[in-house]
């Protein structure tokens, strides 16, 4: 089995900060790219930030300069540090990972999501 579990969501005031964590576990040979996506009701899931196995990052324009994605390969964990939060950041945040498994081959996996709510 392979699974991703997110944590760290919550309710914060505008201007506040949160750090999201996502841990991958199970039958894992290697983890390639990882990323964070978010979704609000009635909208498609959108990319927030990604990070490659080599550490290269990419951010949506809306979060550039405010969010930082990082990973700890030894812990199979990806983080999203969210600073200067705005009400527009309110969404369910999902962890995504490109994982190579001895049992299942290479595939993308999603976490269950964690709610982030930013009040004005």
N, C-alpha and C. Protein backbone atom coordinates (compact mmCIF):
# COMPACT_ATOMS: atom_id res chain seq x y z
N UNK A 1 0.83 -1.19 0.00
CA UNK A 1 0.00 0.00 0.00
C UNK A 1 0.87 1.25 0.00
N UNK A 2 0.37 2.29 -0.64
CA UNK A 2 1.00 3.60 -0.64
C UNK A 2 -0.06 4.61 -0.25
N UNK A 3 0.27 5.48 0.66
CA UNK A 3 -0.66 6.51 1.05
C UNK A 3 0.05 7.79 1.43
N UNK A 4 -0.67 8.90 1.27
CA UNK A 4 -0.20 10.21 1.68
C UNK A 4 -1.15 10.75 2.73
N UNK A 5 -0.61 11.29 3.80
CA UNK A 5 -1.43 11.84 4.87
C UNK A 5 -0.99 13.26 5.16
N UNK A 6 -1.92 14.21 4.98
CA UNK A 6 -1.65 15.61 5.24
C UNK A 6 -2.04 15.99 6.67
N UNK A 7 -1.42 17.04 7.16
CA UNK A 7 -1.77 17.59 8.45
C UNK A 7 -1.35 19.05 8.49
N UNK A 8 -1.86 19.79 9.46
CA UNK A 8 -1.44 21.16 9.65
C UNK A 8 -2.45 22.22 9.26
N UNK A 9 -3.55 21.82 8.66
CA UNK A 9 -4.57 22.79 8.30
C UNK A 9 -5.26 23.35 9.52
N UNK A 10 -6.00 24.41 9.30
CA UNK A 10 -6.71 25.02 10.41
C UNK A 10 -7.30 26.36 10.04
N UNK A 11 -7.73 27.08 11.06
CA UNK A 11 -8.33 28.40 10.90
C UNK A 11 -7.36 29.45 11.40
N UNK A 12 -7.05 30.42 10.55
CA UNK A 12 -6.15 31.51 10.92
C UNK A 12 -6.71 32.83 10.42
N UNK A 13 -6.24 33.90 11.02
CA UNK A 13 -6.61 35.23 10.56
C UNK A 13 -5.73 35.66 9.39
N UNK A 14 -6.25 36.56 8.59
CA UNK A 14 -5.46 37.10 7.48
C UNK A 14 -4.14 37.64 8.00
N UNK A 15 -3.08 37.32 7.28
CA UNK A 15 -1.76 37.73 7.70
C UNK A 15 -1.03 36.69 8.52
N UNK A 16 -1.73 35.67 8.94
CA UNK A 16 -1.14 34.62 9.75
C UNK A 16 -0.41 33.58 8.92
N UNK A 17 0.06 32.55 9.61
CA UNK A 17 0.85 31.51 8.97
C UNK A 17 0.39 30.12 9.37
N UNK A 18 0.62 29.16 8.49
CA UNK A 18 0.40 27.76 8.75
C UNK A 18 1.48 26.96 8.05
N UNK A 19 1.79 25.80 8.58
CA UNK A 19 2.69 24.89 7.90
C UNK A 19 1.99 23.55 7.70
N UNK A 20 1.84 23.17 6.46
CA UNK A 20 1.25 21.90 6.12
C UNK A 20 2.33 20.84 5.95
N UNK A 21 2.02 19.63 6.36
CA UNK A 21 2.93 18.51 6.21
C UNK A 21 2.22 17.37 5.50
N UNK A 22 2.97 16.60 4.75
CA UNK A 22 2.43 15.44 4.07
C UNK A 22 3.47 14.33 4.12
N UNK A 23 3.08 13.20 4.68
CA UNK A 23 3.97 12.06 4.83
C UNK A 23 3.53 10.93 3.92
N UNK A 24 4.44 10.44 3.12
CA UNK A 24 4.18 9.30 2.27
C UNK A 24 4.66 8.03 2.96
N UNK A 25 3.87 6.98 2.88
CA UNK A 25 4.24 5.72 3.52
C UNK A 25 3.75 4.55 2.69
N UNK A 26 4.29 3.37 2.98
CA UNK A 26 3.88 2.17 2.29
C UNK A 26 5.02 1.59 1.47
N UNK A 27 4.64 0.87 0.43
CA UNK A 27 5.61 0.21 -0.43
C UNK A 27 6.17 1.23 -1.42
N UNK A 28 7.28 1.86 -1.04
CA UNK A 28 7.86 2.94 -1.82
C UNK A 28 9.30 2.61 -2.19
N UNK A 29 9.58 2.69 -3.48
CA UNK A 29 10.94 2.56 -3.95
C UNK A 29 11.61 3.93 -4.00
N UNK A 30 10.91 4.89 -4.54
CA UNK A 30 11.42 6.25 -4.61
C UNK A 30 10.27 7.22 -4.79
N UNK A 31 10.48 8.44 -4.36
CA UNK A 31 9.52 9.51 -4.55
C UNK A 31 10.13 10.54 -5.48
N UNK A 32 9.45 10.80 -6.55
CA UNK A 32 9.95 11.76 -7.53
C UNK A 32 9.42 13.16 -7.17
N UNK A 33 8.67 13.78 -8.04
CA UNK A 33 8.15 15.10 -7.73
C UNK A 33 7.04 15.02 -6.68
N UNK A 34 6.92 16.05 -5.88
CA UNK A 34 5.84 16.18 -4.91
C UNK A 34 5.25 17.58 -5.06
N UNK A 35 4.02 17.74 -4.62
CA UNK A 35 3.42 19.04 -4.75
C UNK A 35 2.21 19.23 -3.88
N UNK A 36 1.76 20.48 -3.84
CA UNK A 36 0.54 20.85 -3.13
C UNK A 36 -0.43 21.47 -4.11
N UNK A 37 -1.68 21.08 -4.00
CA UNK A 37 -2.76 21.61 -4.80
C UNK A 37 -3.87 22.05 -3.86
N UNK A 38 -4.76 22.90 -4.35
CA UNK A 38 -5.87 23.32 -3.51
C UNK A 38 -7.15 23.39 -4.34
N UNK A 39 -8.27 23.27 -3.64
CA UNK A 39 -9.56 23.25 -4.31
C UNK A 39 -10.63 23.88 -3.43
N UNK A 40 -11.45 24.73 -4.04
CA UNK A 40 -12.59 25.32 -3.38
C UNK A 40 -13.86 24.80 -4.04
N UNK A 41 -15.02 24.89 -3.36
CA UNK A 41 -16.26 24.37 -3.94
C UNK A 41 -16.55 24.97 -5.32
N UNK A 42 -16.88 24.10 -6.27
CA UNK A 42 -17.23 24.54 -7.60
C UNK A 42 -16.06 24.86 -8.51
N UNK A 43 -14.85 24.68 -8.02
CA UNK A 43 -13.67 24.96 -8.82
C UNK A 43 -12.82 23.72 -8.99
N UNK A 44 -12.02 23.72 -10.05
CA UNK A 44 -11.09 22.63 -10.26
C UNK A 44 -9.91 22.76 -9.31
N UNK A 45 -9.30 21.64 -9.05
CA UNK A 45 -8.11 21.64 -8.23
C UNK A 45 -6.98 22.38 -8.97
N UNK A 46 -6.30 23.28 -8.29
CA UNK A 46 -5.25 24.06 -8.91
C UNK A 46 -3.91 23.84 -8.22
N UNK A 47 -2.87 23.95 -9.00
CA UNK A 47 -1.52 23.78 -8.48
C UNK A 47 -1.14 24.96 -7.60
N UNK A 48 -0.54 24.66 -6.46
CA UNK A 48 -0.02 25.68 -5.57
C UNK A 48 1.50 25.74 -5.67
N UNK A 49 2.14 24.60 -5.50
CA UNK A 49 3.60 24.53 -5.54
C UNK A 49 4.03 23.10 -5.79
N UNK A 50 5.16 22.94 -6.46
CA UNK A 50 5.74 21.63 -6.68
C UNK A 50 7.23 21.67 -6.37
N UNK A 51 7.77 20.49 -6.10
CA UNK A 51 9.20 20.37 -5.85
C UNK A 51 9.67 19.04 -6.41
N UNK A 52 10.75 19.07 -7.17
CA UNK A 52 11.29 17.86 -7.76
C UNK A 52 12.16 17.12 -6.76
N UNK A 53 12.57 15.92 -7.14
CA UNK A 53 13.46 15.15 -6.27
C UNK A 53 14.79 15.86 -6.06
N UNK A 54 15.18 16.70 -7.01
CA UNK A 54 16.41 17.45 -6.89
C UNK A 54 16.27 18.77 -6.17
N UNK A 55 15.05 19.14 -5.80
CA UNK A 55 14.84 20.35 -5.04
C UNK A 55 14.39 21.56 -5.83
N UNK A 56 14.19 21.42 -7.12
CA UNK A 56 13.70 22.53 -7.92
C UNK A 56 12.23 22.79 -7.59
N UNK A 57 11.87 24.06 -7.45
CA UNK A 57 10.51 24.41 -7.04
C UNK A 57 9.80 25.24 -8.09
N UNK A 58 8.48 25.19 -8.02
CA UNK A 58 7.63 25.98 -8.89
C UNK A 58 6.41 26.41 -8.09
N UNK A 59 5.99 27.66 -8.25
CA UNK A 59 4.88 28.20 -7.49
C UNK A 59 3.86 28.87 -8.39
N UNK A 60 2.61 28.78 -7.97
CA UNK A 60 1.58 29.57 -8.62
C UNK A 60 1.85 31.04 -8.36
N UNK A 61 1.51 31.89 -9.33
CA UNK A 61 1.75 33.31 -9.18
C UNK A 61 1.06 33.88 -7.94
N UNK A 62 -0.08 33.33 -7.60
CA UNK A 62 -0.86 33.86 -6.49
C UNK A 62 -0.22 33.64 -5.13
N UNK A 63 0.72 32.70 -5.04
CA UNK A 63 1.36 32.41 -3.76
C UNK A 63 2.85 32.73 -3.76
N UNK A 64 3.36 33.15 -4.89
CA UNK A 64 4.78 33.45 -5.02
C UNK A 64 5.20 34.50 -4.00
N UNK A 65 6.26 34.22 -3.27
CA UNK A 65 6.76 35.14 -2.27
C UNK A 65 6.13 34.97 -0.91
N UNK A 66 5.06 34.20 -0.81
CA UNK A 66 4.38 33.99 0.46
C UNK A 66 4.49 32.54 0.95
N UNK A 67 4.46 31.60 0.02
CA UNK A 67 4.52 30.18 0.36
C UNK A 67 5.89 29.61 0.01
N UNK A 68 6.31 28.62 0.77
CA UNK A 68 7.55 27.92 0.50
C UNK A 68 7.34 26.42 0.60
N UNK A 69 7.68 25.70 -0.45
CA UNK A 69 7.59 24.25 -0.44
C UNK A 69 8.97 23.67 -0.18
N UNK A 70 9.02 22.61 0.61
CA UNK A 70 10.28 21.95 0.90
C UNK A 70 10.01 20.46 1.13
N UNK A 71 11.06 19.68 1.19
CA UNK A 71 10.88 18.24 1.41
C UNK A 71 12.03 17.68 2.23
N UNK A 72 11.73 16.63 2.95
CA UNK A 72 12.71 15.89 3.72
C UNK A 72 12.68 14.47 3.18
N UNK A 73 13.62 14.16 2.32
CA UNK A 73 13.61 12.86 1.66
C UNK A 73 13.78 11.70 2.64
N UNK A 74 14.53 11.91 3.71
CA UNK A 74 14.73 10.86 4.69
C UNK A 74 13.43 10.50 5.40
N UNK A 75 12.51 11.44 5.47
CA UNK A 75 11.23 11.23 6.14
C UNK A 75 10.07 11.05 5.17
N UNK A 76 10.36 11.06 3.88
CA UNK A 76 9.31 10.96 2.85
C UNK A 76 8.22 12.00 3.09
N UNK A 77 8.64 13.20 3.38
CA UNK A 77 7.72 14.25 3.78
C UNK A 77 7.92 15.50 2.94
N UNK A 78 6.81 16.14 2.59
CA UNK A 78 6.83 17.42 1.91
C UNK A 78 6.09 18.43 2.78
N UNK A 79 6.57 19.66 2.80
CA UNK A 79 5.99 20.70 3.62
C UNK A 79 5.56 21.87 2.75
N UNK A 80 4.61 22.62 3.27
CA UNK A 80 4.22 23.88 2.65
C UNK A 80 4.11 24.92 3.75
N UNK A 81 5.07 25.82 3.79
CA UNK A 81 5.03 26.93 4.74
C UNK A 81 4.23 28.05 4.11
N UNK A 82 3.16 28.44 4.76
CA UNK A 82 2.24 29.43 4.23
C UNK A 82 2.27 30.67 5.12
N UNK A 83 2.80 31.76 4.60
CA UNK A 83 2.88 33.01 5.33
C UNK A 83 2.01 34.06 4.67
N UNK A 84 1.73 35.12 5.41
CA UNK A 84 0.92 36.23 4.91
C UNK A 84 -0.35 35.73 4.25
N UNK A 85 -1.05 34.86 4.94
CA UNK A 85 -2.23 34.23 4.37
C UNK A 85 -3.34 35.25 4.12
N UNK A 86 -4.05 35.02 3.03
CA UNK A 86 -5.16 35.86 2.62
C UNK A 86 -6.45 35.04 2.60
N UNK A 87 -7.61 35.69 2.72
CA UNK A 87 -8.86 34.95 2.61
C UNK A 87 -8.98 34.15 1.32
N UNK A 88 -8.37 34.63 0.25
CA UNK A 88 -8.39 33.93 -1.02
C UNK A 88 -7.65 32.61 -0.99
N UNK A 89 -6.83 32.39 0.04
CA UNK A 89 -6.11 31.14 0.18
C UNK A 89 -6.98 30.04 0.79
N UNK A 90 -8.16 30.38 1.25
CA UNK A 90 -9.05 29.40 1.84
C UNK A 90 -9.39 28.31 0.83
N UNK A 91 -9.14 27.07 1.21
CA UNK A 91 -9.37 25.93 0.32
C UNK A 91 -9.02 24.65 1.06
N UNK A 92 -9.34 23.54 0.42
CA UNK A 92 -8.83 22.25 0.87
C UNK A 92 -7.51 22.03 0.13
N UNK A 93 -6.47 21.78 0.87
CA UNK A 93 -5.15 21.59 0.29
C UNK A 93 -4.83 20.10 0.23
N UNK A 94 -4.39 19.67 -0.95
CA UNK A 94 -4.09 18.27 -1.19
C UNK A 94 -2.62 18.07 -1.51
N UNK A 95 -2.07 17.04 -0.94
CA UNK A 95 -0.71 16.64 -1.24
C UNK A 95 -0.71 15.68 -2.42
N UNK A 96 0.27 15.82 -3.28
CA UNK A 96 0.42 14.96 -4.45
C UNK A 96 1.86 14.49 -4.54
N UNK A 97 2.04 13.24 -4.94
CA UNK A 97 3.39 12.71 -5.08
C UNK A 97 3.47 11.71 -6.21
N UNK A 98 4.54 11.79 -6.96
CA UNK A 98 4.87 10.84 -8.02
C UNK A 98 5.77 9.79 -7.39
N UNK A 99 5.24 8.59 -7.22
CA UNK A 99 5.93 7.56 -6.44
C UNK A 99 6.16 6.31 -7.28
N UNK A 100 7.37 5.78 -7.18
CA UNK A 100 7.70 4.49 -7.78
C UNK A 100 7.62 3.44 -6.70
N UNK A 101 6.80 2.43 -6.93
CA UNK A 101 6.58 1.36 -5.96
C UNK A 101 7.02 0.02 -6.53
N UNK A 102 7.67 -0.81 -5.70
CA UNK A 102 8.04 -2.15 -6.18
C UNK A 102 6.83 -2.98 -6.59
N UNK A 103 5.70 -2.72 -5.96
CA UNK A 103 4.50 -3.50 -6.24
C UNK A 103 3.62 -2.89 -7.31
N UNK A 104 3.55 -1.58 -7.37
CA UNK A 104 2.57 -0.91 -8.21
C UNK A 104 3.17 -0.09 -9.35
N UNK A 105 4.48 -0.07 -9.45
CA UNK A 105 5.11 0.73 -10.49
C UNK A 105 5.04 2.21 -10.16
N UNK A 106 5.19 3.03 -11.17
CA UNK A 106 5.19 4.47 -10.99
C UNK A 106 3.80 5.04 -11.18
N UNK A 107 3.36 5.80 -10.21
CA UNK A 107 2.03 6.38 -10.25
C UNK A 107 1.96 7.62 -9.37
N UNK A 108 0.95 8.43 -9.60
CA UNK A 108 0.72 9.60 -8.76
C UNK A 108 -0.32 9.28 -7.70
N UNK A 109 -0.10 9.82 -6.50
CA UNK A 109 -0.99 9.59 -5.38
C UNK A 109 -1.43 10.91 -4.78
N UNK A 110 -2.59 10.89 -4.17
CA UNK A 110 -3.17 12.07 -3.54
C UNK A 110 -3.48 11.81 -2.07
N UNK A 111 -3.29 12.82 -1.26
CA UNK A 111 -3.71 12.75 0.12
C UNK A 111 -5.19 13.02 0.25
N UNK A 112 -5.70 12.92 1.45
CA UNK A 112 -7.13 13.10 1.69
C UNK A 112 -7.54 14.56 1.75
N UNK A 113 -6.59 15.45 1.88
CA UNK A 113 -6.86 16.87 1.94
C UNK A 113 -6.92 17.40 3.36
N UNK A 114 -6.52 18.64 3.53
CA UNK A 114 -6.61 19.31 4.82
C UNK A 114 -7.16 20.72 4.60
N UNK A 115 -8.12 21.10 5.42
CA UNK A 115 -8.81 22.37 5.25
C UNK A 115 -7.99 23.52 5.80
N UNK A 116 -7.85 24.56 4.99
CA UNK A 116 -7.23 25.81 5.41
C UNK A 116 -8.27 26.91 5.25
N UNK A 117 -8.56 27.59 6.34
CA UNK A 117 -9.53 28.67 6.32
C UNK A 117 -8.88 29.94 6.85
N UNK A 118 -8.94 31.00 6.07
CA UNK A 118 -8.34 32.28 6.44
C UNK A 118 -9.46 33.30 6.59
N UNK A 119 -9.60 33.83 7.78
CA UNK A 119 -10.65 34.81 8.05
C UNK A 119 -10.12 36.22 7.84
N UNK A 120 -11.03 37.13 7.49
CA UNK A 120 -10.65 38.51 7.24
C UNK A 120 -10.74 39.34 8.51
